[in-house]
């Protein structure tokens, strides 16, 4: 296969799902976090909408670049291929490092301020698979999830925000004065 730099959304989705799986994370685990976060506000949140939203986020070019780079940095750290002092900083997931959170904020920010707010909630509370990645990475074993825990949390935050947008759009369309206008974009 010829080396390429550009990929379709379907290809990026497939590669991102594969990379997540290699790092021990499934689309459904990320969707669970989005579902948990949005279920606080509405009983009508479906897991299907959450899974669809995670997949949508995973098909975006910015997500592809951040996820692939973060996963590669974590992998290189595990294999001791990053030089000191960075290797130890990454391996310990040093709290003052902060670059991993920048990846998360950038990714969650694709869905605006609420996406970033949702990421902050996930980053502080570390629900479900984010907690597992964080503890596995800090266990002293040869695992590093310095970037992956924040990237997964950010994908969940963006998906959570997208689900809220979809829910609000459905509610707005119930208004008897609503007139549908065809747009060339989707949420």
Foldseek 3Di string as FASTA:
>chain_A
DDDDDDDALVVQLVVLQVLCVVLPDHLLQLLVLLCVVQCVPPVPQDSVLSSVLLSNLSSDPLLSVLSVVLSVVQVCLLVVNDDPPVSVCQLQLPPVPCPLLVSLQVSLCVLPPQSNVQLVVCVVVVDDVLVVLVCVSNVPDSGGCSNVSSSSSSSSSNSSSLSVVVVVVVVVCVPPPDDDDDDPDDD
